[in-house]
């Protein structure tokens, strides 16, 4: 049991050290992503790619809202799905 515990501790310590090194080595990228998340709340793949390439993330792409939403925040609390034509 002690050998198993020692091996588990070794693996955890090794992986912790690796994760810490990766974060420290990429601190500028972590900070850039954190700043972008504070500003825009979410990041898309293009923005993440910008950060990973050492560039400032571009603004988020505009999202389109359906003209007649049946569900979601604009639909209201009593929304029911729209009937589909037969």
PDB file of N, CA and C in Angstrom:
ATOM      1  N   UNK A   1       0.831  -1.187   0.000  1.00  0.00           N
ATOM      2  CA  UNK A   1       0.000   0.000   0.000  1.00  0.00           C
ATOM      3  C   UNK A   1       0.879   1.255   0.000  1.00  0.00           C
ATOM      4  N   UNK A   2       1.994   1.220   0.738  1.00  0.00           N
ATOM      5  CA  UNK A   2       2.881   2.383   0.786  1.00  0.00           C
ATOM      6  C   UNK A   2       3.513   2.640  -0.570  1.00  0.00           C
ATOM      7  N   UNK A   3       3.878   1.576  -1.285  1.00  0.00           N
ATOM      8  CA  UNK A   3       4.480   1.742  -2.606  1.00  0.00           C
ATOM      9  C   UNK A   3       3.482   2.395  -3.564  1.00  0.00           C
ATOM     10  N   UNK A   4       2.226   1.996  -3.492  1.00  0.00           N
ATOM     11  CA  UNK A   4       1.189   2.586  -4.335  1.00  0.00           C
ATOM     12  C   UNK A   4       1.037   4.065  -3.979  1.00  0.00           C
ATOM     13  N   UNK A   5       0.951   4.376  -2.711  1.00  0.00           N
ATOM     14  CA  UNK A   5       0.825   5.766  -2.264  1.00  0.00           C
ATOM     15  C   UNK A   5       2.019   6.605  -2.722  1.00  0.00           C
ATOM     16  N   UNK A   6       3.221   6.039  -2.616  1.00  0.00           N
ATOM     17  CA  UNK A   6       4.422   6.765  -3.041  1.00  0.00           C
ATOM     18  C   UNK A   6       4.398   7.031  -4.545  1.00  0.00           C
ATOM     19  N   UNK A   7       3.968   6.038  -5.307  1.00  0.00           N
ATOM     20  CA  UNK A   7       3.917   6.205  -6.764  1.00  0.00           C
ATOM     21  C   UNK A   7       2.858   7.240  -7.153  1.00  0.00           C
ATOM     22  N   UNK A   8       1.721   7.207  -6.511  1.00  0.00           N
ATOM     23  CA  UNK A   8       0.670   8.198  -6.778  1.00  0.00           C
ATOM     24  C   UNK A   8       1.177   9.594  -6.437  1.00  0.00           C
ATOM     25  N   UNK A   9       1.824   9.737  -5.303  1.00  0.00           N
ATOM     26  CA  UNK A   9       2.377  11.039  -4.907  1.00  0.00           C
ATOM     27  C   UNK A   9       3.422  11.514  -5.918  1.00  0.00           C
ATOM     28  N   UNK A  10       4.273  10.597  -6.378  1.00  0.00           N
ATOM     29  CA  UNK A  10       5.293  10.957  -7.364  1.00  0.00           C
ATOM     30  C   UNK A  10       4.652  11.466  -8.658  1.00  0.00           C
ATOM     31  N   UNK A  11       3.627  10.757  -9.123  1.00  0.00           N
ATOM     32  CA  UNK A  11       2.944  11.145 -10.356  1.00  0.00           C
ATOM     33  C   UNK A  11       2.278  12.509 -10.192  1.00  0.00           C
ATOM     34  N   UNK A  12       1.584  12.704  -9.079  1.00  0.00           N
ATOM     35  CA  UNK A  12       0.905  13.986  -8.836  1.00  0.00           C
ATOM     36  C   UNK A  12       1.918  15.117  -8.750  1.00  0.00           C
ATOM     37  N   UNK A  13       2.997  14.914  -8.008  1.00  0.00           N
ATOM     38  CA  UNK A  13       4.029  15.950  -7.881  1.00  0.00           C
ATOM     39  C   UNK A  13       4.660  16.279  -9.234  1.00  0.00           C
ATOM     40  N   UNK A  14       4.915  15.260 -10.028  1.00  0.00           N
ATOM     41  CA  UNK A  14       5.521  15.455 -11.344  1.00  0.00           C
ATOM     42  C   UNK A  14       4.587  16.247 -12.264  1.00  0.00           C
ATOM     43  N   UNK A  15       3.320  15.880 -12.274  1.00  0.00           N
ATOM     44  CA  UNK A  15       2.353  16.561 -13.139  1.00  0.00           C
ATOM     45  C   UNK A  15       2.078  17.985 -12.649  1.00  0.00           C
ATOM     46  N   UNK A  16       2.069  18.192 -11.347  1.00  0.00           N
ATOM     47  CA  UNK A  16       1.908  19.532 -10.789  1.00  0.00           C
ATOM     48  C   UNK A  16       3.067  20.423 -11.233  1.00  0.00           C
ATOM     49  N   UNK A  17       4.294  19.898 -11.150  1.00  0.00           N
ATOM     50  CA  UNK A  17       5.466  20.670 -11.557  1.00  0.00           C
ATOM     51  C   UNK A  17       5.400  21.006 -13.043  1.00  0.00           C
ATOM     52  N   UNK A  18       4.957  20.066 -13.860  1.00  0.00           N
ATOM     53  CA  UNK A  18       4.827  20.313 -15.293  1.00  0.00           C
ATOM     54  C   UNK A  18       3.775  21.383 -15.568  1.00  0.00           C
ATOM     55  N   UNK A  19       2.617  21.280 -14.931  1.00  0.00           N
ATOM     56  CA  UNK A  19       1.555  22.269 -15.125  1.00  0.00           C
ATOM     57  C   UNK A  19       2.021  23.654 -14.687  1.00  0.00           C
ATOM     58  N   UNK A  20       2.692  23.723 -13.561  1.00  0.00           N
ATOM     59  CA  UNK A  20       3.196  25.008 -13.064  1.00  0.00           C
ATOM     60  C   UNK A  20       4.202  25.612 -14.038  1.00  0.00           C
ATOM     61  N   UNK A  21       5.102  24.786 -14.579  1.00  0.00           N
ATOM     62  CA  UNK A  21       6.107  25.269 -15.531  1.00  0.00           C
ATOM     63  C   UNK A  21       5.435  25.789 -16.796  1.00  0.00           C
ATOM     64  N   UNK A  22       4.443  25.052 -17.299  1.00  0.00           N
ATOM     65  CA  UNK A  22       3.737  25.490 -18.508  1.00  0.00           C
ATOM     66  C   UNK A  22       3.051  26.838 -18.290  1.00  0.00           C
ATOM     67  N   UNK A  23       2.407  26.995 -17.145  1.00  0.00           N
ATOM     68  CA  UNK A  23       1.730  28.259 -16.848  1.00  0.00           C
ATOM     69  C   UNK A  23       2.742  29.384 -16.695  1.00  0.00           C
ATOM     70  N   UNK A  24       3.833  29.129 -15.983  1.00  0.00           N
ATOM     71  CA  UNK A  24       4.853  30.162 -15.794  1.00  0.00           C
ATOM     72  C   UNK A  24       5.518  30.529 -17.120  1.00  0.00           C
ATOM     73  N   UNK A  25       5.818  29.541 -17.952  1.00  0.00           N
ATOM     74  CA  UNK A  25       6.450  29.799 -19.244  1.00  0.00           C
ATOM     75  C   UNK A  25       5.533  30.555 -20.202  1.00  0.00           C
ATOM     76  N   UNK A  26       4.231  30.435 -19.998  1.00  0.00           N
ATOM     77  CA  UNK A  26       3.253  31.062 -20.891  1.00  0.00           C
ATOM     78  C   UNK A  26       2.426  32.118 -20.165  1.00  0.00           C
ATOM     79  N   UNK A  27       3.022  32.728 -19.162  1.00  0.00           N
ATOM     80  CA  UNK A  27       2.282  33.686 -18.337  1.00  0.00           C
ATOM     81  C   UNK A  27       1.658  34.821 -19.153  1.00  0.00           C
ATOM     82  N   UNK A  28       2.378  35.337 -20.139  1.00  0.00           N
ATOM     83  CA  UNK A  28       1.850  36.432 -20.953  1.00  0.00           C
ATOM     84  C   UNK A  28       0.578  35.998 -21.685  1.00  0.00           C
ATOM     85  N   UNK A  29       0.554  34.760 -22.164  1.00  0.00           N
ATOM     86  CA  UNK A  29      -0.628  34.249 -22.859  1.00  0.00           C
ATOM     87  C   UNK A  29      -1.790  34.057 -21.884  1.00  0.00           C
ATOM     88  N   UNK A  30      -1.479  33.555 -20.706  1.00  0.00           N
ATOM     89  CA  UNK A  30      -2.520  33.378 -19.684  1.00  0.00           C
ATOM     90  C   UNK A  30      -3.111  34.737 -19.315  1.00  0.00           C
ATOM     91  N   UNK A  31      -2.252  35.730 -19.128  1.00  0.00           N
ATOM     92  CA  UNK A  31      -2.721  37.080 -18.784  1.00  0.00           C
ATOM     93  C   UNK A  31      -3.554  37.670 -19.920  1.00  0.00           C
ATOM     94  N   UNK A  32      -3.121  37.476 -21.180  1.00  0.00           N
ATOM     95  CA  UNK A  32      -3.872  38.002 -22.327  1.00  0.00           C
ATOM     96  C   UNK A  32      -5.250  37.354 -22.415  1.00  0.00           C
ATOM     97  N   UNK A  33      -5.313  36.040 -22.175  1.00  0.00           N
ATOM     98  CA  UNK A  33      -6.614  35.362 -22.206  1.00  0.00           C
ATOM     99  C   UNK A  33      -7.504  35.836 -21.061  1.00  0.00           C
ATOM    100  N   UNK A  34      -6.924  35.994 -19.888  1.00  0.00           N
ATOM    101  CA  UNK A  34      -7.705  36.465 -18.741  1.00  0.00           C
ATOM    102  C   UNK A  34      -8.269  37.857 -19.016  1.00  0.00           C
ATOM    103  N   UNK A  35      -7.449  38.739 -19.582  1.00  0.00           N
ATOM    104  CA  UNK A  35      -7.906  40.103 -19.886  1.00  0.00           C
ATOM    105  C   UNK A  35      -9.027  40.071 -20.929  1.00  0.00           C
ATOM    106  N   UNK A  36      -8.857  39.241 -21.969  1.00  0.00           N
ATOM    107  CA  UNK A  36      -9.889  39.130 -23.004  1.00  0.00           C
ATOM    108  C   UNK A  36     -11.185  38.575 -22.417  1.00  0.00           C
ATOM    109  N   UNK A  37     -11.073  37.604 -21.525  1.00  0.00           N
ATOM    110  CA  UNK A  37     -12.273  37.046 -20.889  1.00  0.00           C
ATOM    111  C   UNK A  37     -12.969  38.070 -20.009  1.00  0.00           C
ATOM    112  N   UNK A  38     -12.194  38.898 -19.319  1.00  0.00           N
ATOM    113  CA  UNK A  38     -12.808  39.953 -18.510  1.00  0.00           C
ATOM    114  C   UNK A  38     -13.559  40.946 -19.390  1.00  0.00           C
ATOM    115  N   UNK A  39     -13.008  41.206 -20.561  1.00  0.00           N
ATOM    116  CA  UNK A  39     -13.635  42.180 -21.460  1.00  0.00           C
ATOM    117  C   UNK A  39     -14.837  41.604 -22.200  1.00  0.00           C
ATOM    118  N   UNK A  40     -14.709  40.362 -22.722  1.00  0.00           N
ATOM    119  CA  UNK A  40     -15.750  39.815 -23.594  1.00  0.00           C
ATOM    120  C   UNK A  40     -16.499  38.631 -23.003  1.00  0.00           C
ATOM    121  N   UNK A  41     -16.095  38.095 -21.878  1.00  0.00           N
ATOM    122  CA  UNK A  41     -16.721  36.973 -21.173  1.00  0.00           C
ATOM    123  C   UNK A  41     -16.519  35.612 -21.826  1.00  0.00           C
ATOM    124  N   UNK A  42     -16.412  35.550 -23.129  1.00  0.00           N
ATOM    125  CA  UNK A  42     -16.134  34.294 -23.823  1.00  0.00           C
ATOM    126  C   UNK A  42     -15.105  34.550 -24.914  1.00  0.00           C
ATOM    127  N   UNK A  43     -14.420  33.499 -25.330  1.00  0.00           N
ATOM    128  CA  UNK A  43     -13.470  33.592 -26.435  1.00  0.00           C
ATOM    129  C   UNK A  43     -13.806  32.513 -27.451  1.00  0.00           C
ATOM    130  N   UNK A  44     -13.689  32.852 -28.734  1.00  0.00           N
ATOM    131  CA  UNK A  44     -13.878  31.834 -29.759  1.00  0.00           C
ATOM    132  C   UNK A  44     -12.513  31.289 -30.175  1.00  0.00           C
ATOM    133  N   UNK A  45     -12.522  30.323 -31.039  1.00  0.00           N
ATOM    134  CA  UNK A  45     -11.264  29.681 -31.422  1.00  0.00           C
ATOM    135  C   UNK A  45     -10.304  30.645 -32.103  1.00  0.00           C
ATOM    136  N   UNK A  46     -10.814  31.587 -32.893  1.00  0.00           N
ATOM    137  CA  UNK A  46      -9.938  32.554 -33.551  1.00  0.00           C
ATOM    138  C   UNK A  46      -9.230  33.429 -32.521  1.00  0.00           C
ATOM    139  N   UNK A  47      -9.942  33.855 -31.502  1.00  0.00           N
ATOM    140  CA  UNK A  47      -9.341  34.680 -30.461  1.00  0.00           C
ATOM    141  C   UNK A  47      -8.288  33.902 -29.678  1.00  0.00           C
ATOM    142  N   UNK A  48      -8.575  32.646 -29.368  1.00  0.00           N
ATOM    143  CA  UNK A  48      -7.601  31.820 -28.653  1.00  0.00           C
ATOM    144  C   UNK A  48      -6.365  31.621 -29.523  1.00  0.00           C
ATOM    145  N   UNK A  49      -6.572  31.383 -30.806  1.00  0.00           N
ATOM    146  CA  UNK A  49      -5.444  31.212 -31.721  1.00  0.00           C
ATOM    147  C   UNK A  49      -4.597  32.484 -31.769  1.00  0.00           C
ATOM    148  N   UNK A  50      -5.241  33.649 -31.786  1.00  0.00           N
ATOM    149  CA  UNK A  50      -4.491  34.913 -31.748  1.00  0.00           C
ATOM    150  C   UNK A  50      -3.567  34.947 -30.537  1.00  0.00           C
ATOM    151  N   UNK A  51      -4.114  34.658 -29.383  1.00  0.00           N
ATOM    152  CA  UNK A  51      -3.327  34.700 -28.140  1.00  0.00           C
ATOM    153  C   UNK A  51      -2.192  33.685 -28.201  1.00  0.00           C
ATOM    154  N   UNK A  52      -2.483  32.478 -28.663  1.00  0.00           N
ATOM    155  CA  UNK A  52      -1.461  31.439 -28.714  1.00  0.00           C
ATOM    156  C   UNK A  52      -0.335  31.794 -29.693  1.00  0.00           C
ATOM    157  N   UNK A  53      -0.636  32.619 -30.698  1.00  0.00           N
ATOM    158  CA  UNK A  53       0.373  33.059 -31.657  1.00  0.00           C
ATOM    159  C   UNK A  53       1.087  34.327 -31.203  1.00  0.00           C
ATOM    160  N   UNK A  54       0.733  34.819 -30.007  1.00  0.00           N
ATOM    161  CA  UNK A  54       1.392  36.001 -29.462  1.00  0.00           C
ATOM    162  C   UNK A  54       0.802  37.319 -29.931  1.00  0.00           C
ATOM    163  N   UNK A  55      -0.377  37.258 -30.529  1.00  0.00           N
ATOM    164  CA  UNK A  55      -1.055  38.475 -31.000  1.00  0.00           C
ATOM    165  C   UNK A  55      -2.150  38.855 -30.007  1.00  0.00           C
ATOM    166  N   UNK A  56      -2.565  40.115 -30.078  1.00  0.00           N
ATOM    167  CA  UNK A  56      -3.729  40.527 -29.299  1.00  0.00           C
ATOM    168  C   UNK A  56      -4.964  39.872 -29.904  1.00  0.00           C
ATOM    169  N   UNK A  57      -5.894  39.402 -29.062  1.00  0.00           N
ATOM    170  CA  UNK A  57      -7.094  38.766 -29.623  1.00  0.00           C
ATOM    171  C   UNK A  57      -7.973  39.786 -30.322  1.00  0.00           C
ATOM    172  N   UNK A  58      -8.498  39.374 -31.459  1.00  0.00           N
ATOM    173  CA  UNK A  58      -9.419  40.247 -32.203  1.00  0.00           C
ATOM    174  C   UNK A  58     -10.749  40.334 -31.454  1.00  0.00           C
ATOM    175  N   UNK A  59     -11.529  41.360 -31.717  1.00  0.00           N
ATOM    176  CA  UNK A  59     -12.858  41.447 -31.079  1.00  0.00           C
ATOM    177  C   UNK A  59     -13.715  40.251 -31.479  1.00  0.00           C
ATOM    178  N   UNK A  60     -14.693  39.897 -30.650  1.00  0.00           N
ATOM    179  CA  UNK A  60     -15.549  38.757 -30.987  1.00  0.00           C
ATOM    180  C   UNK A  60     -16.372  39.033 -32.229  1.00  0.00           C
ATOM    181  N   UNK A  61     -16.705  37.967 -32.928  1.00  0.00           N
ATOM    182  CA  UNK A  61     -17.571  38.079 -34.105  1.00  0.00           C
ATOM    183  C   UNK A  61     -18.978  38.399 -33.632  1.00  0.00           C
ATOM    184  N   UNK A  62     -19.696  39.225 -34.403  1.00  0.00           N
ATOM    185  CA  UNK A  62     -21.080  39.496 -34.003  1.00  0.00           C
ATOM    186  C   UNK A  62     -21.924  38.232 -34.112  1.00  0.00           C
ATOM    187  N   UNK A  63     -22.843  38.099 -33.198  1.00  0.00           N
ATOM    188  CA  UNK A  63     -23.731  36.943 -33.227  1.00  0.00           C
ATOM    189  C   UNK A  63     -25.056  37.365 -33.827  1.00  0.00           C
ATOM    190  N   UNK A  64     -25.687  36.447 -34.526  1.00  0.00           N
ATOM    191  CA  UNK A  64     -26.988  36.767 -35.106  1.00  0.00           C
ATOM    192  C   UNK A  64     -28.072  36.201 -34.197  1.00  0.00           C
ATOM    193  N   UNK A  65     -29.138  36.948 -34.067  1.00  0.00           N
ATOM    194  CA  UNK A  65     -30.280  36.530 -33.268  1.00  0.00           C
ATOM    195  C   UNK A  65     -31.403  36.175 -34.230  1.00  0.00           C
ATOM    196  N   UNK A  66     -32.067  35.035 -34.041  1.00  0.00           N
ATOM    197  CA  UNK A  66     -33.169  34.689 -34.936  1.00  0.00           C
ATOM    198  C   UNK A  66     -34.256  35.755 -34.899  1.00  0.00           C
ATOM    199  N   UNK A  67     -34.914  35.968 -36.032  1.00  0.00           N
ATOM    200  CA  UNK A  67     -35.958  36.996 -36.141  1.00  0.00           C
ATOM    201  C   UNK A  67     -37.135  36.706 -35.227  1.00  0.00           C
ATOM    202  N   UNK A  68     -37.457  35.427 -35.034  1.00  0.00           N
ATOM    203  CA  UNK A  68     -38.596  35.043 -34.211  1.00  0.00           C
ATOM    204  C   UNK A  68     -38.164  33.935 -33.261  1.00  0.00           C
ATOM    205  N   UNK A  69     -37.458  34.290 -32.172  1.00  0.00           N
ATOM    206  CA  UNK A  69     -36.964  33.237 -31.282  1.00  0.00           C
ATOM    207  C   UNK A  69     -38.098  32.509 -30.588  1.00  0.00           C
ATOM    208  N   UNK A  70     -37.956  31.187 -30.483  1.00  0.00           N
ATOM    209  CA  UNK A  70     -38.977  30.409 -29.788  1.00  0.00           C
ATOM    210  C   UNK A  70     -38.541  30.050 -28.385  1.00  0.00           C
ATOM    211  N   UNK A  71     -37.242  30.065 -28.130  1.00  0.00           N
ATOM    212  CA  UNK A  71     -36.710  29.792 -26.817  1.00  0.00           C
ATOM    213  C   UNK A  71     -35.584  30.769 -26.548  1.00  0.00           C
ATOM    214  N   UNK A  72     -35.150  30.862 -25.306  1.00  0.00           N
ATOM    215  CA  UNK A  72     -34.023  31.718 -24.979  1.00  0.00           C
ATOM    216  C   UNK A  72     -34.467  32.959 -24.248  1.00  0.00           C
ATOM    217  N   UNK A  73     -33.524  33.864 -24.006  1.00  0.00           N
ATOM    218  CA  UNK A  73     -33.809  35.021 -23.171  1.00  0.00           C
ATOM    219  C   UNK A  73     -34.825  35.979 -23.772  1.00  0.00           C
ATOM    220  N   UNK A  74     -34.969  36.013 -25.111  1.00  0.00           N
ATOM    221  CA  UNK A  74     -35.911  36.945 -25.732  1.00  0.00           C
ATOM    222  C   UNK A  74     -37.310  36.360 -25.875  1.00  0.00           C
ATOM    223  N   UNK A  75     -37.482  35.088 -25.576  1.00  0.00           N
ATOM    224  CA  UNK A  75     -38.751  34.421 -25.817  1.00  0.00           C
ATOM    225  C   UNK A  75     -39.747  34.624 -24.681  1.00  0.00           C
ATOM    226  N   UNK A  76     -39.291  34.927 -23.504  1.00  0.00           N
ATOM    227  CA  UNK A  76     -40.205  35.103 -22.385  1.00  0.00           C
ATOM    228  C   UNK A  76     -40.377  33.807 -21.609  1.00  0.00           C
ATOM    229  N   UNK A  77     -40.898  33.918 -20.386  1.00  0.00           N
ATOM    230  CA  UNK A  77     -40.973  32.747 -19.512  1.00  0.00           C
ATOM    231  C   UNK A  77     -41.992  31.697 -19.941  1.00  0.00           C
ATOM    232  N   UNK A  78     -43.015  32.088 -20.727  1.00  0.00           N
ATOM    233  CA  UNK A  78     -44.070  31.141 -21.099  1.00  0.00           C
ATOM    234  C   UNK A  78     -43.949  30.706 -22.555  1.00  0.00           C
ATOM    235  N   UNK A  79     -42.768  30.777 -23.113  1.00  0.00           N
ATOM    236  CA  UNK A  79     -42.579  30.463 -24.537  1.00  0.00           C
ATOM    237  C   UNK A  79     -42.873  29.005 -24.813  1.00  0.00           C
ATOM    238  N   UNK A  80     -43.498  28.779 -25.950  1.00  0.00           N
ATOM    239  CA  UNK A  80     -43.762  27.435 -26.421  1.00  0.00           C
ATOM    240  C   UNK A  80     -43.150  27.328 -27.820  1.00  0.00           C
ATOM    241  N   UNK A  81     -42.739  26.146 -28.221  1.00  0.00           N
ATOM    242  CA  UNK A  81     -42.150  26.013 -29.549  1.00  0.00           C
ATOM    243  C   UNK A  81     -43.153  26.406 -30.626  1.00  0.00           C
ATOM    244  N   UNK A  82     -42.623  26.998 -31.687  1.00  0.00           N
ATOM    245  CA  UNK A  82     -43.493  27.376 -32.806  1.00  0.00           C
ATOM    246  C   UNK A  82     -43.993  26.117 -33.481  1.00  0.00           C
ATOM    247  N   UNK A  83     -45.240  26.167 -33.964  1.00  0.00           N
ATOM    248  CA  UNK A  83     -45.813  25.024 -34.669  1.00  0.00           C
ATOM    249  C   UNK A  83     -45.137  24.890 -36.027  1.00  0.00           C
ATOM    250  N   UNK A  84     -44.883  23.672 -36.425  1.00  0.00           N
ATOM    251  CA  UNK A  84     -44.291  23.446 -37.739  1.00  0.00           C
ATOM    252  C   UNK A  84     -45.381  23.090 -38.720  1.00  0.00           C
ATOM    253  N   UNK A  85     -45.312  23.656 -39.908  1.00  0.00           N
ATOM    254  CA  UNK A  85     -46.362  23.338 -40.905  1.00  0.00           C
ATOM    255  C   UNK A  85     -46.313  21.861 -41.293  1.00  0.00           C
ATOM    256  N   UNK A  86     -47.471  21.295 -41.533  1.00  0.00           N
ATOM    257  CA  UNK A  86     -47.547  19.878 -41.877  1.00  0.00           C
ATOM    258  C   UNK A  86     -47.359  19.651 -43.351  1.00  0.00           C
TER     259      UNK A  86
END
